Protein backbone atom coordinates (compact mmCIF):
# COMPACT_ATOMS: atom_id res chain seq x y z
CA MET A 1 0.00 0.00 0.00
CA ASN A 2 1.24 3.45 -0.89
CA ILE A 3 0.19 5.99 1.74
CA ARG A 4 2.56 8.77 0.70
CA SER A 5 -0.25 10.59 -1.06
CA PHE A 6 -1.91 11.11 2.33
CA LEU A 7 1.15 12.57 4.04
CA PRO A 8 2.97 15.95 3.93
CA TRP A 9 6.24 15.27 2.15
CA ALA A 10 9.17 17.12 0.67
CA GLY A 11 8.52 20.78 -0.06
CA ARG A 12 6.16 21.06 2.92
CA SER A 13 8.66 21.16 5.80
CA ALA A 14 6.73 23.95 7.51
CA VAL A 15 3.83 21.58 8.00
CA ALA A 16 6.18 18.91 9.32
CA GLU A 17 7.41 21.33 12.03
CA LYS A 18 3.87 21.92 13.31
CA LYS A 19 2.88 18.24 13.53
CA ALA A 20 1.64 16.89 16.83
CA ALA A 21 3.50 14.08 18.60
CA GLY A 22 3.17 10.74 16.81
CA SER A 23 4.43 11.66 13.33
CA LEU A 24 3.96 8.91 10.73
CA LEU A 25 6.53 8.04 8.10
CA SER A 26 5.62 5.59 5.36
CA LEU A 27 7.87 2.89 3.96
CA ALA A 28 6.41 1.96 0.60
CA ALA A 29 7.96 1.20 -2.74
CA GLN A 30 7.01 3.85 -5.29
CA GLY A 31 8.98 2.55 -8.23
CA GLN A 32 8.05 3.11 -11.82
CA ALA A 33 6.94 0.12 -13.88
CA SER A 34 9.55 -1.12 -16.32
CA TRP A 35 8.27 -2.72 -19.53
CA THR A 36 10.13 -5.02 -21.86
CA GLY A 37 10.64 -3.76 -25.40
CA ARG A 38 9.25 -5.60 -28.39
CA SER A 39 12.52 -6.12 -30.21
CA TYR A 40 13.86 -9.59 -30.93
CA ALA A 41 16.72 -9.13 -28.45
CA ALA A 42 14.47 -7.86 -25.64
CA LEU A 43 11.87 -10.61 -26.04
CA SER A 44 14.60 -13.24 -26.29
CA ARG A 45 16.32 -12.06 -23.10
CA GLU A 46 13.24 -11.46 -20.96
CA GLY A 47 11.17 -14.27 -22.43
CA PHE A 48 13.05 -17.24 -23.86
CA MET A 49 16.18 -16.81 -21.72
CA LYS A 50 14.56 -15.70 -18.45
CA ASN A 51 10.93 -16.82 -18.25
CA PRO A 52 10.35 -20.60 -17.97
CA VAL A 53 6.81 -20.44 -19.39
CA ALA A 54 7.82 -18.49 -22.50
CA HIS A 55 10.90 -20.70 -22.91
CA ARG A 56 8.82 -23.86 -22.78
CA CYS A 57 6.17 -22.48 -25.15
CA VAL A 58 8.75 -21.59 -27.79
CA ARG A 59 10.49 -24.96 -27.39
CA LEU A 60 7.21 -26.88 -27.48
CA VAL A 61 5.90 -25.25 -30.65
CA SER A 62 9.21 -25.16 -32.54
CA GLU A 63 10.26 -28.71 -31.63
CA ALA A 64 6.83 -30.18 -32.40
CA ALA A 65 6.70 -28.45 -35.79
CA ALA A 66 10.33 -29.28 -36.64
CA ALA A 67 9.76 -32.97 -35.86
CA VAL A 68 7.23 -33.32 -38.70
CA PRO A 69 9.02 -34.54 -41.87
CA TRP A 70 8.35 -33.07 -45.30
CA LEU A 71 6.96 -34.85 -48.35
CA ILE A 72 8.02 -33.62 -51.82
CA TYR A 73 5.60 -33.91 -54.72
CA GLU A 74 6.00 -33.22 -58.41
CA GLY A 75 2.49 -33.05 -59.74
CA GLU A 76 0.67 -35.88 -57.97
CA ARG A 77 3.64 -38.20 -57.46
CA GLU A 78 5.67 -38.28 -54.29
CA GLN A 79 9.44 -37.92 -54.84
CA PRO A 80 11.25 -39.16 -51.70
CA GLU A 81 14.71 -38.77 -53.28
CA HIS A 82 14.11 -35.41 -54.92
CA PRO A 83 17.05 -32.98 -54.50
CA ALA A 84 14.76 -30.69 -52.49
CA ALA A 85 13.96 -33.55 -50.08
CA VAL A 86 17.66 -34.24 -49.63
CA LEU A 87 18.33 -30.53 -49.05
CA LEU A 88 15.60 -30.21 -46.41
CA ARG A 89 16.96 -33.24 -44.54
CA GLN A 90 20.40 -31.54 -44.39
CA PRO A 91 20.07 -27.80 -45.19
CA ASN A 92 23.77 -27.11 -44.51
CA LEU A 93 26.84 -28.76 -43.04
CA ARG A 94 26.22 -27.31 -39.58
CA MET A 95 22.53 -28.11 -39.15
CA GLY A 96 20.28 -31.06 -39.79
CA GLY A 97 16.69 -30.66 -40.86
CA PRO A 98 15.10 -30.65 -37.37
CA ASP A 99 17.73 -28.20 -36.05
CA PHE A 100 17.22 -25.89 -39.00
CA PHE A 101 13.44 -25.78 -38.76
CA GLU A 102 13.45 -25.52 -34.96
CA ALA A 103 15.57 -22.36 -35.27
CA LEU A 104 13.36 -21.07 -38.09
CA TYR A 105 10.17 -21.47 -36.05
CA GLY A 106 11.93 -19.98 -33.02
CA HIS A 107 12.76 -16.87 -35.05
CA LEU A 108 9.12 -16.60 -36.11
CA LEU A 109 7.82 -16.93 -32.55
CA LEU A 110 10.26 -14.44 -31.01
CA SER A 111 10.46 -11.84 -33.77
CA GLY A 112 7.59 -12.55 -36.13
CA ASN A 113 10.13 -12.91 -38.95
CA ALA A 114 12.46 -15.57 -40.37
CA PHE A 115 15.02 -15.10 -43.15
CA VAL A 116 16.48 -17.94 -45.22
CA GLU A 117 19.53 -17.35 -47.40
CA PRO A 118 20.09 -19.67 -50.38
CA LEU A 119 23.63 -20.69 -51.23
CA MET A 120 23.91 -21.14 -54.99
CA VAL A 121 26.75 -22.85 -56.82
CA GLY A 122 26.22 -21.87 -60.41
CA ALA A 123 22.55 -22.48 -61.07
CA ALA A 124 22.22 -25.22 -58.42
CA LEU A 125 20.91 -24.69 -54.91
CA ARG A 126 23.36 -26.29 -52.48
CA GLU A 127 22.63 -25.03 -48.96
CA LEU A 128 20.15 -23.05 -46.87
CA HIS A 129 21.20 -20.72 -44.03
CA LEU A 130 19.19 -18.78 -41.45
CA LEU A 131 19.85 -15.08 -40.81
CA ARG A 132 19.21 -13.74 -37.33
CA PRO A 133 16.17 -11.42 -37.54
CA ASP A 134 17.61 -8.60 -35.44
CA ARG A 135 20.50 -8.25 -37.88
CA VAL A 136 18.26 -7.84 -40.93
CA SER A 137 16.68 -4.53 -41.92
CA VAL A 138 14.30 -3.81 -44.77
CA VAL A 139 15.33 -1.30 -47.43
CA GLU A 140 12.16 0.32 -48.72
CA GLY A 141 11.94 1.45 -52.32
CA ARG A 142 10.30 4.59 -53.65
CA ASP A 143 7.06 2.71 -54.26
CA GLY A 144 6.87 1.59 -50.63
CA TRP A 145 7.69 -2.07 -51.33
CA PRO A 146 10.84 -3.79 -50.05
CA GLU A 147 13.71 -3.21 -52.42
CA ALA A 148 16.44 -5.08 -50.55
CA TYR A 149 17.47 -6.50 -47.18
CA ASP A 150 20.60 -5.42 -45.32
CA TYR A 151 22.28 -7.98 -43.08
CA ARG A 152 24.71 -6.61 -40.48
CA ALA A 153 27.17 -8.96 -38.78
CA GLY A 154 30.80 -8.68 -37.74
CA GLY A 155 31.04 -5.02 -38.63
CA SER A 156 30.10 -5.57 -42.26
CA VAL A 157 26.85 -5.15 -44.19
CA ARG A 158 25.60 -7.47 -46.92
CA ARG A 159 22.72 -6.49 -49.17
CA PHE A 160 20.26 -9.01 -50.61
CA ALA A 161 17.91 -7.97 -53.38
CA ALA A 162 14.24 -8.51 -52.55
CA GLU A 163 13.67 -9.83 -56.06
CA ALA A 164 16.31 -11.57 -58.12
CA GLU A 165 16.56 -14.02 -60.97
CA GLY A 166 16.47 -17.54 -59.67
CA MET A 167 16.63 -17.60 -55.86
CA ALA A 168 16.28 -14.48 -53.68
CA LEU A 169 16.28 -14.19 -49.90
CA LEU A 170 13.19 -15.85 -48.40
CA HIS A 171 11.31 -13.75 -45.84
CA LEU A 172 8.73 -15.57 -43.71
CA LYS A 173 6.60 -13.38 -41.46
CA LEU A 174 3.55 -13.50 -39.23
CA PHE A 175 0.65 -11.10 -39.67
CA HIS A 176 1.24 -7.57 -38.39
CA PRO A 177 -1.71 -5.15 -38.55
CA LEU A 178 0.44 -1.99 -38.46
CA ASP A 179 3.58 -2.93 -40.40
CA ASP A 180 3.70 -3.57 -44.13
CA HIS A 181 7.07 -5.29 -44.16
CA LEU A 182 7.74 -7.04 -40.85
CA GLY A 183 5.80 -9.58 -38.81
CA PHE A 184 4.42 -9.36 -35.28
CA PRO A 185 5.84 -11.78 -32.65
CA PRO A 186 3.27 -13.67 -30.53
CA LEU A 187 5.22 -12.98 -27.33
CA ALA A 188 4.80 -9.22 -27.84
CA ALA A 189 1.04 -9.67 -27.39
CA ALA A 190 1.77 -11.13 -23.92
CA GLN A 191 4.30 -8.43 -23.02
CA VAL A 192 2.44 -7.29 -19.88
CA ALA A 193 1.98 -10.88 -18.69
CA LEU A 194 5.66 -11.58 -19.33
CA ASP A 195 6.79 -8.59 -17.26
CA LEU A 196 4.31 -9.45 -14.52
CA SER A 197 5.62 -13.01 -14.31
CA ASN A 198 9.26 -11.91 -14.22
CA ALA A 199 8.58 -9.11 -11.72
CA ALA A 200 6.69 -11.48 -9.40
CA ALA A 201 9.60 -13.92 -9.48
CA THR A 202 12.11 -11.14 -8.76
CA TRP A 203 9.98 -9.74 -5.94
CA ASN A 204 9.51 -13.13 -4.29
CA LYS A 205 13.22 -13.89 -4.55
CA ALA A 206 14.15 -10.54 -2.96
CA LEU A 207 11.52 -10.99 -0.25
CA LEU A 208 12.92 -14.40 0.67
CA ASP A 209 16.47 -13.04 0.65
CA ASN A 210 15.38 -10.40 3.16
CA SER A 211 13.64 -12.85 5.54
CA ALA A 212 10.23 -12.20 3.96
CA ARG A 213 9.53 -9.16 6.14
CA PRO A 214 6.56 -7.09 4.94
CA SER A 215 6.41 -3.32 4.48
CA GLY A 216 4.91 -0.98 7.04
CA ALA A 217 5.32 2.46 8.62
CA LEU A 218 7.56 4.22 11.13
CA VAL A 219 5.88 5.99 14.05
CA TYR A 220 7.90 8.65 15.88
CA GLN A 221 7.19 8.50 19.60
CA PRO A 222 9.44 10.98 21.43
CA LYS A 223 9.77 10.64 25.18
CA GLU A 224 9.29 14.34 25.90
CA GLY A 225 6.98 15.33 23.04
CA GLY A 226 7.85 17.18 19.84
CA ASN A 227 8.50 16.21 16.26
CA LEU A 228 11.36 15.37 13.95
CA SER A 229 13.17 18.42 12.73
CA PRO A 230 12.88 19.14 8.99
CA ASP A 231 16.47 17.96 8.46
CA GLN A 232 15.86 14.73 10.41
CA TYR A 233 12.58 14.17 8.61
CA GLU A 234 14.13 14.61 5.16
CA ARG A 235 17.19 12.51 6.03
CA LEU A 236 15.05 9.61 7.25
CA ARG A 237 12.83 9.78 4.20
CA GLN A 238 15.86 9.78 1.89
CA GLU A 239 17.39 6.81 3.71
CA LEU A 240 14.17 4.85 3.34
CA ASP A 241 13.95 5.61 -0.38
CA ASP A 242 17.58 4.73 -1.03
CA GLY A 243 17.86 1.65 1.15
CA TYR A 244 14.45 0.01 1.30
CA SER A 245 12.44 0.87 -1.82
CA GLY A 246 12.28 -1.19 -5.00
CA PRO A 247 11.92 -4.91 -5.77
CA MET A 248 15.59 -5.75 -5.19
CA ARG A 249 15.35 -4.36 -1.63
CA ALA A 250 11.94 -5.81 -0.78
CA GLY A 251 11.56 -6.80 2.87
CA ARG A 252 14.91 -5.53 4.15
CA PRO A 253 15.01 -5.21 7.96
CA LEU A 254 15.10 -1.66 9.32
CA LEU A 255 17.67 -0.14 11.65
CA LEU A 256 15.71 2.19 13.95
CA GLU A 257 17.01 5.00 16.15
CA GLY A 258 15.60 6.07 19.48
CA GLY A 259 11.96 7.15 19.44
CA LEU A 260 11.09 5.27 16.24
CA ASP A 261 8.70 2.33 16.30
CA TRP A 262 7.94 -0.06 13.41
CA LYS A 263 4.30 -0.77 12.57
CA ALA A 264 3.78 -3.50 9.96
CA MET A 265 1.23 -2.43 7.34
CA GLY A 266 2.13 -4.39 4.22
CA LEU A 267 -0.06 -7.09 2.72
CA SER A 268 0.98 -10.64 3.45
CA PRO A 269 2.14 -12.90 0.60
CA LYS A 270 -1.14 -14.81 1.00
CA ASP A 271 -3.14 -11.60 0.56
CA MET A 272 -1.08 -10.54 -2.42
CA ASP A 273 -1.52 -14.09 -3.82
CA PHE A 274 1.60 -14.01 -5.96
CA VAL A 275 1.13 -17.65 -6.92
CA GLU A 276 -2.24 -17.05 -8.55
CA ALA A 277 -0.97 -13.87 -10.20
CA ARG A 278 1.94 -15.78 -11.73
CA ASN A 279 -0.36 -18.58 -12.88
CA GLY A 280 -2.63 -16.03 -14.54
CA ALA A 281 0.34 -14.43 -16.29
CA ALA A 282 1.56 -17.88 -17.36
CA ARG A 283 -1.83 -18.66 -18.89
CA ASP A 284 -1.73 -15.40 -20.87
CA ILE A 285 1.74 -16.24 -22.20
CA ALA A 286 0.60 -19.73 -23.18
CA LEU A 287 -2.50 -18.25 -24.84
CA ALA A 288 -0.37 -15.93 -26.99
CA PHE A 289 1.65 -18.90 -28.27
CA GLY A 290 -1.37 -21.16 -28.72
CA VAL A 291 -0.19 -23.74 -26.17
CA PRO A 292 -2.83 -25.31 -23.89
CA PRO A 293 -1.89 -24.49 -20.27
CA MET A 294 -2.45 -28.13 -19.34
CA LEU A 295 0.59 -29.11 -21.43
CA LEU A 296 2.71 -26.72 -19.35
CA GLY A 297 1.52 -27.99 -15.98
CA ILE A 298 -0.27 -24.71 -15.13
CA PRO A 299 -3.08 -25.38 -12.63
CA GLY A 300 -6.59 -23.96 -12.71
CA ASP A 301 -7.42 -24.62 -16.37
CA ASN A 302 -10.32 -26.97 -17.10
CA THR A 303 -10.87 -26.17 -20.77
CA PHE A 304 -9.82 -29.62 -21.98
CA ALA A 305 -11.31 -32.84 -20.69
CA ASN A 306 -7.96 -34.57 -20.60
CA TYR A 307 -4.37 -34.35 -21.70
CA GLN A 308 -5.01 -36.21 -24.96
CA GLU A 309 -7.59 -33.66 -26.09
CA ALA A 310 -5.26 -30.80 -25.14
CA ASN A 311 -2.44 -32.37 -27.15
CA ARG A 312 -4.70 -32.87 -30.16
CA ALA A 313 -5.90 -29.26 -29.99
CA PHE A 314 -2.29 -28.08 -29.76
CA TYR A 315 -1.34 -29.86 -32.99
CA ARG A 316 -4.54 -29.00 -34.82
CA LEU A 317 -4.75 -25.30 -33.87
CA THR A 318 -1.10 -24.28 -33.47
CA VAL A 319 1.38 -26.66 -35.11
CA LEU A 320 -0.51 -27.46 -38.33
CA PRO A 321 -1.24 -23.80 -39.28
CA MET A 322 2.45 -23.01 -38.89
CA LEU A 323 3.41 -26.03 -41.00
CA THR A 324 0.86 -25.11 -43.67
CA ARG A 325 2.06 -21.53 -44.08
CA THR A 326 5.70 -22.65 -44.10
CA ALA A 327 5.00 -25.32 -46.72
CA ALA A 328 3.25 -22.82 -49.00
CA SER A 329 6.11 -20.30 -48.74
CA LEU A 330 8.84 -22.91 -49.26
CA SER A 331 7.00 -24.47 -52.22
CA ALA A 332 6.74 -21.16 -54.06
CA TRP A 333 10.33 -20.22 -53.18
CA LEU A 334 11.95 -23.56 -54.12
CA ALA A 335 10.09 -23.54 -57.43
CA GLY A 336 12.69 -21.01 -58.59
CA ALA A 337 15.34 -23.74 -58.36
CA TYR A 338 13.40 -26.94 -59.10
CA GLY A 339 10.49 -25.92 -61.32
CA ASP A 340 6.87 -24.89 -60.83
CA GLY A 341 5.57 -28.42 -60.28
CA LEU A 342 7.25 -28.77 -56.88
CA ARG A 343 5.00 -28.99 -53.83
CA LEU A 344 5.81 -29.51 -50.13
CA GLU A 345 3.43 -31.11 -47.65
CA PRO A 346 3.95 -32.14 -44.02
CA ASP A 347 3.83 -35.89 -43.42
CA LEU A 348 0.93 -35.99 -40.95
CA ASP A 349 1.12 -39.78 -40.67
CA LYS A 350 4.24 -39.29 -38.56
CA VAL A 351 2.54 -36.92 -36.09
CA ALA A 352 1.80 -38.90 -32.92
CA GLY A 353 -0.54 -36.24 -31.59
CA LEU A 354 -2.89 -36.73 -34.58
CA SER A 355 -2.91 -40.54 -34.58
CA ALA A 356 -6.46 -40.65 -33.17
CA GLU A 357 -7.78 -38.40 -35.95
CA ARG A 358 -5.89 -40.43 -38.52
CA GLY A 359 -7.45 -43.64 -37.23
CA GLU A 360 -10.93 -42.11 -37.42
CA LEU A 361 -10.29 -41.04 -41.03
CA TRP A 362 -9.15 -44.52 -42.04
CA ALA A 363 -12.19 -46.06 -40.39
CA ARG A 364 -14.60 -43.74 -42.24
CA VAL A 365 -12.88 -44.22 -45.58
CA GLY A 366 -12.58 -47.97 -45.12
CA ALA A 367 -16.32 -48.24 -44.43
CA ALA A 368 -17.22 -46.30 -47.60
CA ALA A 369 -18.26 -49.16 -49.89
CA PHE A 370 -18.96 -46.80 -52.80
CA LEU A 371 -15.25 -45.90 -53.12
CA THR A 372 -12.71 -47.92 -55.04
CA ASP A 373 -9.38 -48.91 -53.48
CA GLU A 374 -7.61 -46.24 -55.51
CA GLU A 375 -10.05 -43.56 -54.36
CA LYS A 376 -9.65 -44.67 -50.74
CA ARG A 377 -5.87 -44.44 -51.00
CA GLU A 378 -6.13 -40.96 -52.47
CA ALA A 379 -8.58 -39.89 -49.74
CA VAL A 380 -6.11 -40.76 -46.97
CA GLY A 381 -3.17 -39.10 -48.71
CA TYR A 382 -1.53 -41.90 -50.71
C-alpha cells in the first residue's frame, strides 16, 4: 500500500514542524513500472532466456513443428529422393533438418520474422542458411515495397535484393496489422503478462532473501513530546527511499534510532496471492503462443477434458497452421530452383498427436463401400 499521497512530504517542511506528537513516516515502494521492449533481443532475453513459461512455449511449438518430416511432390507423385527432399533433410553442413526448422520457427515466434539465405553454386541450390532477424533490416523502395534486405554482422553489411533471378532471400513473417514489411511476434502480445511473471519472481526472490519481512510504517514516539526536525525528517525519508524501496530491496530489515517504532502495514504474501498472479500471467503467455496451459503444468485450467484432447488441440490449432504456411512459402520459393511443379506437404502420418484423428479417417474411408481402393488411397493421402 502506498500511503505517501496522504502525508505531507518534501517541499512542505513547515507543515512537518507543526505536527503533533506521533508523526507517521511511510515505507512503501514507489517505483516506476519497467516494460520489456518488443525487439527480438528484448523478447529473447526477458522471455526465452529468463521466463520458464515463454521458454517452454517456444520450445514446445518449434520442436513439435520441426519434428514433422516433409513430403516432396511433383504433380501428384511423391518424390522421396528429390534434390529438395535431400536438401531439407540436411540444409547445410552445420545443421540437420530438425535443427534448422526448430531455429526457423523460433525466429518466427520471437520476432515474427524468419530469413532464409540460399547458397547457390552456379545455377544449383546447395545449402540453406538462417539469418538472425535482429541483424536484418528492410530497405524500402520509392514505391513503398521492399527493395532489398541489409544484413549486419561482424562489422560488415551485406545487401540481398528482394527480387532476383532464380533464388532471392526468403522472408517468412507473421501477420502484423500496423507494419507492411515485418511480422508481429506472438510474445509481444503477452508483453504485460511476461513482465508481470518476471517481476513477481524477482519480488519473491528478494523478499525471501530479506527474511520475507513485509512493508509498514515508522511511528515517531518521542519521550518528551515534539517532532522530527525538517532535516531529520528529510534525512530519514531519503534513507528509506535509497535503502528500502524497490523490488531488489523488498523486505529488508530496518535499523531504527531512538523514538522510532515499526508498525507493519504491508499485505501478506497470502493476501497478495503471488502464486495465482503468476499462474494467470503464465496462462496469458501460453495463450499468446497457442499452447494449452495443461501441457505446461499450469493449474486452474479446465478447458480440456484430458491431456489427450489438449495435445490434439495443440497440434490442430497451433502446429498445423504453422506447417501449412511454411509449406506454402517454401514451395513457391523452391520452385525457382526446381520448377513450378514442386509442392511440399507435411507428413501428418508421422505426427503422434494426430494418430487418433488419422485412425478415425481410415475407419470412415474404409467403411465407404462406394469408393474404389484407388479412391480410398487418395482420400487418406496416398
